[in-house]
Amino acid sequence: MMLGALAKQFRNPDGLLGRFAGLVMFFENRKINRWTIDRVGIQPGDHILEVGFGPGYAIEEMFQRYGNLKVDGIDLSETMLHAALAKNEQAARSGTLRLFHGDVADFRENLSHYNKVISVNNYPLWKNKRKSLIRIHQMMHNGGKIAITVQPREEDASREKTFSHAVQIEQDLFYAGFREISVQFKKVRPQLTVCVTAICKKNHL
């Protein structure tokens, strides 16, 4: 019963148990957050969107490593939104960080045009993956880069599950109009991890 409740919290953290889930995600995701940030190739001056920012570790890492950034984030969990704001309070106060609660498929920040988009251990939770990627594609600059990273955390997590995620992400990105798709794997405990990057090409839609 307790394990089932905790698994639910990783999908949509809420309340005290949600804050605990966020702490677990913080420690487990550090290596793959850094790997994802490296793979997306952030440059000073970029406007970045993180989908599923959790407790805000990747946001903190990006601001520490690169200057002159603007970062937006969207997450299904209000608990994680408050945690990420607390962790990145200075950036939020300065206006260089904006965080939103909701589903990226319904995101309506039409004035935002992103150079880079990242998502770490969140893609399997998206209700409508292709609709979400099409919406992200609409919000990106032509030539912008996206990186989606997944380390299986399900009960049936395995190398084969990682490979399955890789194939699905690659196919969904292509469907949404992304090209120059690159798939890389990394051995990170507790399970093999995949990061798929792609370039936004507007002329393919």
N, C-alpha and C. Protein backbone atom coordinates (compact mmCIF):
# COMPACT_ATOMS: atom_id res chain seq x y z
N MET A 1 0.83 -1.21 0.00
CA MET A 1 0.00 0.00 0.00
C MET A 1 0.86 1.26 0.00
N MET A 2 1.89 1.27 0.88
CA MET A 2 2.77 2.42 0.97
C MET A 2 3.54 2.62 -0.32
N LEU A 3 4.03 1.52 -0.91
CA LEU A 3 4.78 1.62 -2.16
C LEU A 3 3.90 2.14 -3.29
N GLY A 4 2.64 1.69 -3.31
CA GLY A 4 1.72 2.17 -4.33
C GLY A 4 1.44 3.65 -4.19
N ALA A 5 1.29 4.10 -2.95
CA ALA A 5 1.05 5.53 -2.70
C ALA A 5 2.25 6.36 -3.12
N LEU A 6 3.46 5.85 -2.84
CA LEU A 6 4.66 6.58 -3.22
C LEU A 6 4.83 6.62 -4.73
N ALA A 7 4.53 5.52 -5.41
CA ALA A 7 4.61 5.50 -6.87
C ALA A 7 3.69 6.55 -7.48
N LYS A 8 2.50 6.69 -6.90
CA LYS A 8 1.56 7.71 -7.36
C LYS A 8 2.15 9.10 -7.19
N GLN A 9 2.90 9.31 -6.10
CA GLN A 9 3.49 10.61 -5.84
C GLN A 9 4.55 10.97 -6.87
N PHE A 10 5.24 10.00 -7.41
CA PHE A 10 6.24 10.30 -8.44
C PHE A 10 5.56 10.78 -9.72
N ARG A 11 4.32 10.36 -9.95
CA ARG A 11 3.59 10.83 -11.12
C ARG A 11 3.07 12.25 -10.92
N ASN A 12 2.56 12.54 -9.73
CA ASN A 12 2.01 13.87 -9.44
C ASN A 12 2.19 14.16 -7.96
N PRO A 13 3.39 14.59 -7.55
CA PRO A 13 3.68 14.79 -6.13
C PRO A 13 2.73 15.79 -5.47
N ASP A 14 2.30 15.44 -4.25
CA ASP A 14 1.37 16.30 -3.54
C ASP A 14 1.56 16.12 -2.04
N GLY A 15 1.54 17.23 -1.30
CA GLY A 15 1.59 17.17 0.14
C GLY A 15 2.91 16.66 0.69
N LEU A 16 2.88 16.16 1.93
CA LEU A 16 4.09 15.72 2.62
C LEU A 16 4.78 14.57 1.89
N LEU A 17 4.00 13.57 1.49
CA LEU A 17 4.57 12.45 0.75
C LEU A 17 5.12 12.92 -0.60
N GLY A 18 4.46 13.91 -1.19
CA GLY A 18 4.95 14.48 -2.44
C GLY A 18 6.29 15.16 -2.28
N ARG A 19 6.47 15.85 -1.15
CA ARG A 19 7.75 16.50 -0.90
C ARG A 19 8.86 15.46 -0.71
N PHE A 20 8.51 14.35 -0.08
CA PHE A 20 9.49 13.25 0.06
C PHE A 20 9.85 12.69 -1.31
N ALA A 21 8.84 12.50 -2.16
CA ALA A 21 9.09 12.00 -3.52
C ALA A 21 10.00 12.97 -4.27
N GLY A 22 9.77 14.27 -4.07
CA GLY A 22 10.60 15.27 -4.71
C GLY A 22 12.05 15.19 -4.26
N LEU A 23 12.26 14.90 -2.96
CA LEU A 23 13.62 14.75 -2.44
C LEU A 23 14.30 13.53 -3.06
N VAL A 24 13.57 12.45 -3.19
CA VAL A 24 14.11 11.25 -3.83
C VAL A 24 14.49 11.55 -5.27
N MET A 25 13.61 12.25 -5.99
CA MET A 25 13.88 12.61 -7.38
C MET A 25 15.12 13.50 -7.48
N PHE A 26 15.27 14.40 -6.51
CA PHE A 26 16.41 15.32 -6.50
C PHE A 26 17.72 14.54 -6.51
N PHE A 27 17.86 13.56 -5.62
CA PHE A 27 19.10 12.82 -5.51
C PHE A 27 19.29 11.85 -6.67
N GLU A 28 18.23 11.18 -7.09
CA GLU A 28 18.35 10.17 -8.13
C GLU A 28 18.58 10.79 -9.51
N ASN A 29 18.09 11.99 -9.73
CA ASN A 29 18.13 12.58 -11.06
C ASN A 29 19.34 13.48 -11.31
N ARG A 30 20.21 13.67 -10.32
CA ARG A 30 21.28 14.65 -10.49
C ARG A 30 22.17 14.35 -11.69
N LYS A 31 22.64 13.11 -11.81
CA LYS A 31 23.55 12.76 -12.90
C LYS A 31 22.87 12.91 -14.26
N ILE A 32 21.63 12.43 -14.35
CA ILE A 32 20.98 12.48 -15.66
C ILE A 32 20.50 13.89 -16.00
N ASN A 33 20.24 14.72 -15.00
CA ASN A 33 19.96 16.12 -15.28
C ASN A 33 21.18 16.79 -15.91
N ARG A 34 22.35 16.56 -15.31
CA ARG A 34 23.59 17.16 -15.85
C ARG A 34 23.87 16.65 -17.26
N TRP A 35 23.67 15.36 -17.47
CA TRP A 35 23.89 14.77 -18.79
C TRP A 35 22.96 15.40 -19.82
N THR A 36 21.70 15.58 -19.46
CA THR A 36 20.72 16.18 -20.37
C THR A 36 21.09 17.61 -20.70
N ILE A 37 21.48 18.38 -19.69
CA ILE A 37 21.89 19.77 -19.91
C ILE A 37 23.08 19.83 -20.85
N ASP A 38 24.05 18.93 -20.67
CA ASP A 38 25.21 18.90 -21.56
C ASP A 38 24.79 18.58 -23.00
N ARG A 39 23.87 17.64 -23.15
CA ARG A 39 23.49 17.19 -24.49
C ARG A 39 22.67 18.22 -25.27
N VAL A 40 21.94 19.08 -24.57
CA VAL A 40 21.11 20.04 -25.29
C VAL A 40 21.92 21.26 -25.75
N GLY A 41 23.12 21.44 -25.20
CA GLY A 41 24.01 22.49 -25.70
C GLY A 41 23.55 23.90 -25.41
N ILE A 42 23.31 24.20 -24.17
CA ILE A 42 22.83 25.53 -23.77
C ILE A 42 23.90 26.58 -24.03
N GLN A 43 23.45 27.75 -24.49
CA GLN A 43 24.31 28.90 -24.73
C GLN A 43 23.79 30.09 -23.92
N PRO A 44 24.68 30.98 -23.46
CA PRO A 44 24.22 32.20 -22.78
C PRO A 44 23.22 32.95 -23.66
N GLY A 45 22.15 33.41 -23.06
CA GLY A 45 21.12 34.12 -23.81
C GLY A 45 19.97 33.24 -24.25
N ASP A 46 20.09 31.92 -24.07
CA ASP A 46 19.01 31.01 -24.47
C ASP A 46 17.76 31.22 -23.63
N HIS A 47 16.62 30.96 -24.27
CA HIS A 47 15.33 30.90 -23.56
C HIS A 47 14.95 29.43 -23.53
N ILE A 48 14.84 28.86 -22.34
CA ILE A 48 14.73 27.42 -22.16
C ILE A 48 13.40 27.08 -21.50
N LEU A 49 12.81 25.98 -21.94
CA LEU A 49 11.61 25.42 -21.31
C LEU A 49 11.97 24.06 -20.74
N GLU A 50 11.64 23.85 -19.45
CA GLU A 50 11.75 22.51 -18.88
C GLU A 50 10.35 21.97 -18.62
N VAL A 51 10.08 20.80 -19.16
CA VAL A 51 8.79 20.15 -18.97
C VAL A 51 8.93 19.10 -17.88
N GLY A 52 8.23 19.30 -16.76
CA GLY A 52 8.35 18.41 -15.62
C GLY A 52 9.59 18.74 -14.81
N PHE A 53 9.63 19.93 -14.22
CA PHE A 53 10.84 20.41 -13.55
C PHE A 53 11.04 19.83 -12.15
N GLY A 54 10.02 19.14 -11.60
CA GLY A 54 10.18 18.51 -10.29
C GLY A 54 10.60 19.51 -9.23
N PRO A 55 11.56 19.13 -8.36
CA PRO A 55 11.99 20.05 -7.30
C PRO A 55 12.92 21.16 -7.75
N GLY A 56 13.21 21.24 -9.03
CA GLY A 56 13.94 22.40 -9.57
C GLY A 56 15.44 22.25 -9.64
N TYR A 57 15.94 21.02 -9.57
CA TYR A 57 17.39 20.84 -9.61
C TYR A 57 18.00 21.27 -10.95
N ALA A 58 17.42 20.84 -12.05
CA ALA A 58 17.99 21.19 -13.36
C ALA A 58 17.96 22.70 -13.58
N ILE A 59 16.90 23.34 -13.11
CA ILE A 59 16.81 24.80 -13.23
C ILE A 59 17.97 25.45 -12.47
N GLU A 60 18.18 25.02 -11.24
CA GLU A 60 19.29 25.56 -10.43
C GLU A 60 20.62 25.32 -11.12
N GLU A 61 20.81 24.11 -11.66
CA GLU A 61 22.06 23.77 -12.34
C GLU A 61 22.30 24.67 -13.55
N MET A 62 21.25 24.91 -14.34
CA MET A 62 21.41 25.75 -15.53
C MET A 62 21.79 27.17 -15.17
N PHE A 63 21.16 27.74 -14.17
CA PHE A 63 21.49 29.11 -13.77
C PHE A 63 22.89 29.20 -13.19
N GLN A 64 23.35 28.16 -12.51
CA GLN A 64 24.69 28.16 -11.95
C GLN A 64 25.76 28.05 -13.03
N ARG A 65 25.47 27.28 -14.07
CA ARG A 65 26.48 27.00 -15.10
C ARG A 65 26.51 28.01 -16.23
N TYR A 66 25.40 28.67 -16.50
CA TYR A 66 25.33 29.56 -17.66
C TYR A 66 24.74 30.91 -17.23
N GLY A 67 25.30 31.97 -17.77
CA GLY A 67 24.78 33.29 -17.47
C GLY A 67 23.76 33.74 -18.50
N ASN A 68 23.00 34.75 -18.15
CA ASN A 68 22.10 35.41 -19.09
C ASN A 68 21.10 34.45 -19.72
N LEU A 69 20.44 33.65 -18.87
CA LEU A 69 19.42 32.73 -19.34
C LEU A 69 18.03 33.22 -18.94
N LYS A 70 17.04 32.79 -19.72
CA LYS A 70 15.64 32.89 -19.31
C LYS A 70 15.10 31.46 -19.30
N VAL A 71 14.48 31.07 -18.20
CA VAL A 71 13.99 29.71 -18.07
C VAL A 71 12.52 29.72 -17.69
N ASP A 72 11.72 28.96 -18.42
CA ASP A 72 10.33 28.69 -18.05
C ASP A 72 10.21 27.22 -17.73
N GLY A 73 9.24 26.88 -16.88
CA GLY A 73 9.00 25.49 -16.57
C GLY A 73 7.52 25.22 -16.40
N ILE A 74 7.10 24.02 -16.73
CA ILE A 74 5.71 23.61 -16.51
C ILE A 74 5.71 22.22 -15.89
N ASP A 75 4.86 22.02 -14.89
CA ASP A 75 4.80 20.75 -14.17
C ASP A 75 3.37 20.51 -13.72
N LEU A 76 2.99 19.24 -13.66
CA LEU A 76 1.64 18.88 -13.25
C LEU A 76 1.42 19.03 -11.75
N SER A 77 2.50 19.13 -10.98
CA SER A 77 2.40 19.14 -9.53
C SER A 77 2.57 20.53 -8.94
N GLU A 78 1.57 21.00 -8.20
CA GLU A 78 1.71 22.28 -7.49
C GLU A 78 2.75 22.17 -6.39
N THR A 79 2.86 21.00 -5.76
CA THR A 79 3.86 20.80 -4.71
C THR A 79 5.26 21.02 -5.27
N MET A 80 5.54 20.48 -6.45
CA MET A 80 6.85 20.66 -7.07
C MET A 80 7.06 22.10 -7.51
N LEU A 81 6.01 22.76 -7.93
CA LEU A 81 6.13 24.17 -8.32
C LEU A 81 6.62 25.00 -7.14
N HIS A 82 6.03 24.80 -5.96
CA HIS A 82 6.44 25.56 -4.78
C HIS A 82 7.86 25.19 -4.36
N ALA A 83 8.21 23.90 -4.48
CA ALA A 83 9.56 23.47 -4.12
C ALA A 83 10.60 24.08 -5.07
N ALA A 84 10.31 24.09 -6.36
CA ALA A 84 11.25 24.64 -7.34
C ALA A 84 11.39 26.15 -7.19
N LEU A 85 10.29 26.82 -6.87
CA LEU A 85 10.36 28.27 -6.64
C LEU A 85 11.22 28.59 -5.43
N ALA A 86 11.08 27.80 -4.37
CA ALA A 86 11.88 28.02 -3.17
C ALA A 86 13.36 27.79 -3.45
N LYS A 87 13.67 26.78 -4.26
CA LYS A 87 15.06 26.48 -4.59
C LYS A 87 15.68 27.53 -5.49
N ASN A 88 14.85 28.18 -6.30
CA ASN A 88 15.36 29.15 -7.28
C ASN A 88 14.70 30.53 -7.07
N GLU A 89 14.62 30.91 -5.81
CA GLU A 89 13.90 32.13 -5.43
C GLU A 89 14.48 33.38 -6.08
N GLN A 90 15.80 33.48 -6.13
CA GLN A 90 16.43 34.67 -6.69
C GLN A 90 16.10 34.83 -8.17
N ALA A 91 16.17 33.74 -8.93
CA ALA A 91 15.86 33.81 -10.35
C ALA A 91 14.39 34.18 -10.57
N ALA A 92 13.52 33.63 -9.73
CA ALA A 92 12.09 33.96 -9.85
C ALA A 92 11.85 35.43 -9.56
N ARG A 93 12.51 35.95 -8.55
CA ARG A 93 12.35 37.37 -8.19
C ARG A 93 12.87 38.30 -9.29
N SER A 94 13.95 37.88 -9.94
CA SER A 94 14.54 38.73 -10.99
C SER A 94 13.76 38.68 -12.29
N GLY A 95 12.83 37.72 -12.41
CA GLY A 95 12.05 37.61 -13.64
C GLY A 95 12.68 36.73 -14.70
N THR A 96 13.83 36.12 -14.39
CA THR A 96 14.47 35.24 -15.38
C THR A 96 13.92 33.82 -15.32
N LEU A 97 13.10 33.55 -14.30
CA LEU A 97 12.48 32.24 -14.16
C LEU A 97 10.97 32.40 -13.99
N ARG A 98 10.22 31.65 -14.80
CA ARG A 98 8.77 31.60 -14.66
C ARG A 98 8.36 30.13 -14.61
N LEU A 99 7.56 29.79 -13.62
CA LEU A 99 7.09 28.41 -13.47
C LEU A 99 5.57 28.37 -13.54
N PHE A 100 5.06 27.33 -14.22
CA PHE A 100 3.63 27.20 -14.45
C PHE A 100 3.17 25.81 -14.01
N HIS A 101 1.92 25.76 -13.58
CA HIS A 101 1.29 24.50 -13.18
C HIS A 101 0.34 24.08 -14.29
N GLY A 102 0.52 22.86 -14.81
CA GLY A 102 -0.38 22.39 -15.86
C GLY A 102 0.25 21.37 -16.76
N ASP A 103 -0.46 21.06 -17.83
CA ASP A 103 -0.06 20.07 -18.83
C ASP A 103 0.53 20.81 -20.03
N VAL A 104 1.71 20.40 -20.47
CA VAL A 104 2.35 21.10 -21.58
C VAL A 104 1.51 21.04 -22.85
N ALA A 105 0.69 20.02 -23.01
CA ALA A 105 -0.16 19.92 -24.20
C ALA A 105 -1.14 21.09 -24.27
N ASP A 106 -1.46 21.68 -23.12
CA ASP A 106 -2.41 22.79 -23.05
C ASP A 106 -1.73 24.12 -22.75
N PHE A 107 -0.41 24.15 -22.82
CA PHE A 107 0.35 25.35 -22.47
C PHE A 107 0.05 26.45 -23.47
N ARG A 108 -0.30 27.63 -22.99
CA ARG A 108 -0.73 28.71 -23.87
C ARG A 108 0.12 29.97 -23.76
N GLU A 109 1.42 29.76 -23.46
CA GLU A 109 2.32 30.91 -23.41
C GLU A 109 2.81 31.22 -24.82
N ASN A 110 1.91 31.79 -25.62
CA ASN A 110 2.19 31.96 -27.05
C ASN A 110 3.30 32.95 -27.36
N LEU A 111 3.62 33.83 -26.41
CA LEU A 111 4.66 34.81 -26.65
C LEU A 111 6.06 34.25 -26.40
N SER A 112 6.13 33.03 -25.91
CA SER A 112 7.42 32.42 -25.60
C SER A 112 7.93 31.63 -26.80
N HIS A 113 9.17 31.88 -27.14
CA HIS A 113 9.80 31.15 -28.25
C HIS A 113 11.11 30.60 -27.74
N TYR A 114 11.19 29.30 -27.61
CA TYR A 114 12.29 28.67 -26.91
C TYR A 114 13.40 28.21 -27.85
N ASN A 115 14.64 28.44 -27.41
CA ASN A 115 15.81 27.92 -28.12
C ASN A 115 16.07 26.46 -27.75
N LYS A 116 15.78 26.13 -26.48
CA LYS A 116 16.08 24.80 -25.97
C LYS A 116 14.91 24.32 -25.11
N VAL A 117 14.66 23.01 -25.15
CA VAL A 117 13.65 22.38 -24.31
C VAL A 117 14.26 21.12 -23.72
N ILE A 118 14.06 20.92 -22.41
CA ILE A 118 14.52 19.68 -21.78
C ILE A 118 13.39 19.05 -20.99
N SER A 119 13.46 17.74 -20.86
CA SER A 119 12.52 17.01 -20.02
C SER A 119 13.23 15.76 -19.52
N VAL A 120 13.28 15.62 -18.19
CA VAL A 120 14.00 14.51 -17.57
C VAL A 120 13.05 13.66 -16.74
N ASN A 121 12.97 12.38 -17.07
CA ASN A 121 12.12 11.43 -16.34
C ASN A 121 10.68 11.91 -16.20
N ASN A 122 10.16 12.48 -17.27
CA ASN A 122 8.79 12.98 -17.24
C ASN A 122 7.98 12.48 -18.43
N TYR A 123 8.65 12.15 -19.52
CA TYR A 123 7.96 11.81 -20.76
C TYR A 123 6.97 10.65 -20.62
N PRO A 124 7.30 9.57 -19.89
CA PRO A 124 6.33 8.47 -19.77
C PRO A 124 5.03 8.88 -19.09
N LEU A 125 5.03 10.01 -18.38
CA LEU A 125 3.84 10.46 -17.66
C LEU A 125 2.93 11.33 -18.51
N TRP A 126 3.39 11.75 -19.69
CA TRP A 126 2.57 12.64 -20.53
C TRP A 126 1.36 11.87 -21.03
N LYS A 127 0.18 12.45 -20.87
CA LYS A 127 -1.06 11.78 -21.28
C LYS A 127 -1.15 11.64 -22.79
N ASN A 128 -0.81 12.71 -23.51
CA ASN A 128 -0.85 12.68 -24.97
C ASN A 128 0.50 13.16 -25.48
N LYS A 129 1.39 12.21 -25.71
CA LYS A 129 2.77 12.55 -26.01
C LYS A 129 2.93 13.30 -27.32
N ARG A 130 2.27 12.85 -28.37
CA ARG A 130 2.43 13.52 -29.66
C ARG A 130 1.80 14.90 -29.67
N LYS A 131 0.64 15.05 -29.04
CA LYS A 131 0.03 16.37 -28.92
C LYS A 131 0.94 17.31 -28.15
N SER A 132 1.56 16.82 -27.10
CA SER A 132 2.47 17.64 -26.30
C SER A 132 3.69 18.06 -27.12
N LEU A 133 4.25 17.14 -27.89
CA LEU A 133 5.42 17.48 -28.70
C LEU A 133 5.08 18.45 -29.82
N ILE A 134 3.90 18.31 -30.39
CA ILE A 134 3.47 19.26 -31.42
C ILE A 134 3.36 20.66 -30.81
N ARG A 135 2.81 20.74 -29.58
CA ARG A 135 2.70 22.04 -28.91
C ARG A 135 4.08 22.61 -28.62
N ILE A 136 5.00 21.77 -28.16
CA ILE A 136 6.37 22.23 -27.92
C ILE A 136 7.01 22.71 -29.21
N HIS A 137 6.83 21.96 -30.27
CA HIS A 137 7.38 22.34 -31.58
C HIS A 137 6.88 23.72 -31.99
N GLN A 138 5.61 24.01 -31.75
CA GLN A 138 5.04 25.31 -32.09
C GLN A 138 5.70 26.45 -31.31
N MET A 139 6.14 26.15 -30.10
CA MET A 139 6.69 27.19 -29.23
C MET A 139 8.19 27.38 -29.39
N MET A 140 8.83 26.57 -30.23
CA MET A 140 10.28 26.65 -30.37
C MET A 140 10.70 27.45 -31.60
N HIS A 141 11.89 28.03 -31.51
CA HIS A 141 12.51 28.64 -32.67
C HIS A 141 12.87 27.56 -33.68
N ASN A 142 12.81 27.89 -34.96
CA ASN A 142 13.33 26.99 -35.98
C ASN A 142 14.82 26.78 -35.71
N GLY A 143 15.24 25.54 -35.65
CA GLY A 143 16.63 25.23 -35.33
C GLY A 143 16.89 25.03 -33.85
N GLY A 144 15.87 25.23 -33.02
CA GLY A 144 16.02 24.99 -31.59
C GLY A 144 16.19 23.50 -31.30
N LYS A 145 16.72 23.19 -30.12
CA LYS A 145 17.06 21.80 -29.79
C LYS A 145 16.29 21.33 -28.57
N ILE A 146 15.82 20.10 -28.63
CA ILE A 146 15.10 19.47 -27.52
C ILE A 146 15.87 18.24 -27.05
N ALA A 147 15.83 17.98 -25.75
CA ALA A 147 16.44 16.78 -25.19
C ALA A 147 15.44 16.14 -24.23
N ILE A 148 15.10 14.88 -24.49
CA ILE A 148 14.18 14.13 -23.64
C ILE A 148 14.93 12.93 -23.07
N THR A 149 14.99 12.86 -21.74
CA THR A 149 15.73 11.80 -21.07
C THR A 149 14.78 10.96 -20.23
N VAL A 150 14.96 9.65 -20.30
CA VAL A 150 14.13 8.74 -19.52
C VAL A 150 15.00 7.64 -18.91
N GLN A 151 14.85 7.46 -17.62
CA GLN A 151 15.40 6.30 -16.91
C GLN A 151 14.22 5.55 -16.32
N PRO A 152 13.90 4.36 -16.83
CA PRO A 152 12.71 3.66 -16.36
C PRO A 152 12.69 3.49 -14.84
N ARG A 153 11.54 3.78 -14.25
CA ARG A 153 11.37 3.64 -12.80
C ARG A 153 10.19 2.73 -12.48
N GLU A 154 9.57 2.15 -13.51
CA GLU A 154 8.42 1.29 -13.28
C GLU A 154 8.86 -0.02 -12.62
N GLU A 155 7.90 -0.78 -12.14
CA GLU A 155 8.20 -2.07 -11.51
C GLU A 155 8.88 -3.02 -12.50
N ASP A 156 8.56 -2.87 -13.80
CA ASP A 156 9.15 -3.74 -14.81
C ASP A 156 10.32 -3.07 -15.52
N ALA A 157 10.97 -2.12 -14.84
CA ALA A 157 12.10 -1.41 -15.44
C ALA A 157 13.20 -2.38 -15.85
N SER A 158 13.75 -2.16 -17.06
CA SER A 158 14.79 -3.03 -17.59
C SER A 158 15.48 -2.33 -18.75
N ARG A 159 16.57 -2.93 -19.23
CA ARG A 159 17.24 -2.40 -20.42
C ARG A 159 16.27 -2.39 -21.61
N GLU A 160 15.48 -3.44 -21.71
CA GLU A 160 14.52 -3.52 -22.82
C GLU A 160 13.50 -2.39 -22.73
N LYS A 161 13.10 -2.03 -21.52
CA LYS A 161 12.16 -0.93 -21.33
C LYS A 161 12.80 0.39 -21.77
N THR A 162 14.07 0.57 -21.46
CA THR A 162 14.79 1.76 -21.91
C THR A 162 14.82 1.84 -23.43
N PHE A 163 15.12 0.70 -24.08
CA PHE A 163 15.15 0.68 -25.54
C PHE A 163 13.76 0.99 -26.11
N SER A 164 12.73 0.49 -25.46
CA SER A 164 11.36 0.76 -25.90
C SER A 164 11.03 2.24 -25.81
N HIS A 165 11.42 2.87 -24.70
CA HIS A 165 11.22 4.32 -24.56
C HIS A 165 11.96 5.07 -25.67
N ALA A 166 13.19 4.64 -25.97
CA ALA A 166 13.99 5.31 -26.99
C ALA A 166 13.29 5.30 -28.34
N VAL A 167 12.75 4.15 -28.71
CA VAL A 167 12.06 4.02 -29.99
C VAL A 167 10.82 4.92 -30.02
N GLN A 168 10.05 4.89 -28.94
CA GLN A 168 8.83 5.71 -28.90
C GLN A 168 9.15 7.20 -28.98
N ILE A 169 10.13 7.65 -28.21
CA ILE A 169 10.48 9.07 -28.23
C ILE A 169 10.94 9.49 -29.62
N GLU A 170 11.78 8.67 -30.23
CA GLU A 170 12.29 8.97 -31.58
C GLU A 170 11.13 9.09 -32.58
N GLN A 171 10.21 8.15 -32.54
CA GLN A 171 9.08 8.17 -33.46
C GLN A 171 8.17 9.37 -33.20
N ASP A 172 7.92 9.67 -31.93
CA ASP A 172 7.04 10.79 -31.59
C ASP A 172 7.66 12.13 -31.98
N LEU A 173 8.96 12.28 -31.78
CA LEU A 173 9.63 13.51 -32.18
C LEU A 173 9.54 13.71 -33.69
N PHE A 174 9.78 12.64 -34.45
CA PHE A 174 9.70 12.74 -35.91
C PHE A 174 8.28 13.13 -36.33
N TYR A 175 7.28 12.51 -35.72
CA TYR A 175 5.88 12.81 -36.04
C TYR A 175 5.56 14.29 -35.80
N ALA A 176 6.15 14.86 -34.74
CA ALA A 176 5.85 16.25 -34.38
C ALA A 176 6.61 17.27 -35.22
N GLY A 177 7.54 16.83 -36.06
CA GLY A 177 8.25 17.75 -36.93
C GLY A 177 9.70 17.97 -36.58
N PHE A 178 10.22 17.23 -35.62
CA PHE A 178 11.63 17.34 -35.26
C PHE A 178 12.47 16.45 -36.17
N ARG A 179 13.68 16.89 -36.43
CA ARG A 179 14.60 16.15 -37.29
C ARG A 179 15.98 16.12 -36.66
N GLU A 180 16.94 15.50 -37.36
CA GLU A 180 18.31 15.32 -36.85
C GLU A 180 18.27 14.68 -35.46
N ILE A 181 17.52 13.61 -35.36
CA ILE A 181 17.28 12.95 -34.08
C ILE A 181 18.49 12.08 -33.72
N SER A 182 18.93 12.22 -32.47
CA SER A 182 20.09 11.47 -31.98
C SER A 182 19.73 10.77 -30.68
N VAL A 183 20.08 9.49 -30.59
CA VAL A 183 19.77 8.68 -29.41
C VAL A 183 21.06 8.24 -28.75
N GLN A 184 21.20 8.51 -27.46
CA GLN A 184 22.37 8.05 -26.71
C GLN A 184 21.91 7.39 -25.41
N PHE A 185 22.70 6.41 -24.97
CA PHE A 185 22.40 5.69 -23.74
C PHE A 185 23.53 5.91 -22.73
N LYS A 186 23.16 5.87 -21.46
CA LYS A 186 24.14 6.06 -20.39
C LYS A 186 23.85 5.08 -19.26
N LYS A 187 24.88 4.42 -18.76
CA LYS A 187 24.72 3.52 -17.63
C LYS A 187 24.70 4.33 -16.34
N VAL A 188 23.53 4.48 -15.77
CA VAL A 188 23.34 5.21 -14.53
C VAL A 188 22.44 4.37 -13.63
N ARG A 189 22.87 4.11 -12.42
CA ARG A 189 22.03 3.34 -11.51
C ARG A 189 20.73 4.09 -11.23
N PRO A 190 19.61 3.39 -11.10
CA PRO A 190 19.48 1.93 -11.04
C PRO A 190 19.22 1.28 -12.39
N GLN A 191 19.15 2.08 -13.49
CA GLN A 191 18.76 1.47 -14.76
C GLN A 191 19.36 2.25 -15.93
N LEU A 192 19.63 1.53 -17.02
CA LEU A 192 20.11 2.16 -18.24
C LEU A 192 19.20 3.33 -18.62
N THR A 193 19.82 4.45 -19.01
CA THR A 193 19.09 5.68 -19.27
C THR A 193 19.28 6.10 -20.73
N VAL A 194 18.24 6.67 -21.33
CA VAL A 194 18.31 7.14 -22.70
C VAL A 194 18.05 8.64 -22.76
N CYS A 195 18.78 9.32 -23.62
CA CYS A 195 18.53 10.74 -23.91
C CYS A 195 18.41 10.89 -25.42
N VAL A 196 17.28 11.40 -25.86
CA VAL A 196 17.02 11.61 -27.28
C VAL A 196 16.99 13.11 -27.54
N THR A 197 17.84 13.56 -28.46
CA THR A 197 17.85 14.97 -28.85
C THR A 197 17.36 15.11 -30.29
N ALA A 198 16.85 16.29 -30.60
CA ALA A 198 16.35 16.54 -31.95
C ALA A 198 16.31 18.04 -32.20
N ILE A 199 16.22 18.41 -33.47
CA ILE A 199 16.19 19.81 -33.87
C ILE A 199 14.80 20.16 -34.41
N CYS A 200 14.30 21.31 -33.99
CA CYS A 200 12.99 21.79 -34.47
C CYS A 200 13.11 22.29 -35.89
N LYS A 201 12.37 21.67 -36.80
CA LYS A 201 12.36 22.08 -38.20
C LYS A 201 10.94 22.50 -38.56
N LYS A 202 10.73 23.77 -38.78
CA LYS A 202 9.40 24.29 -39.01
C LYS A 202 8.83 23.90 -40.38
N ASN A 203 9.70 23.68 -41.35
CA ASN A 203 9.22 23.42 -42.70
C ASN A 203 8.71 21.99 -42.89
N HIS A 204 8.75 21.17 -41.83
CA HIS A 204 8.27 19.79 -41.95
C HIS A 204 6.83 19.64 -41.48
N LEU A 205 6.21 20.73 -41.03
CA LEU A 205 4.81 20.63 -40.61
C LEU A 205 3.94 21.46 -41.54
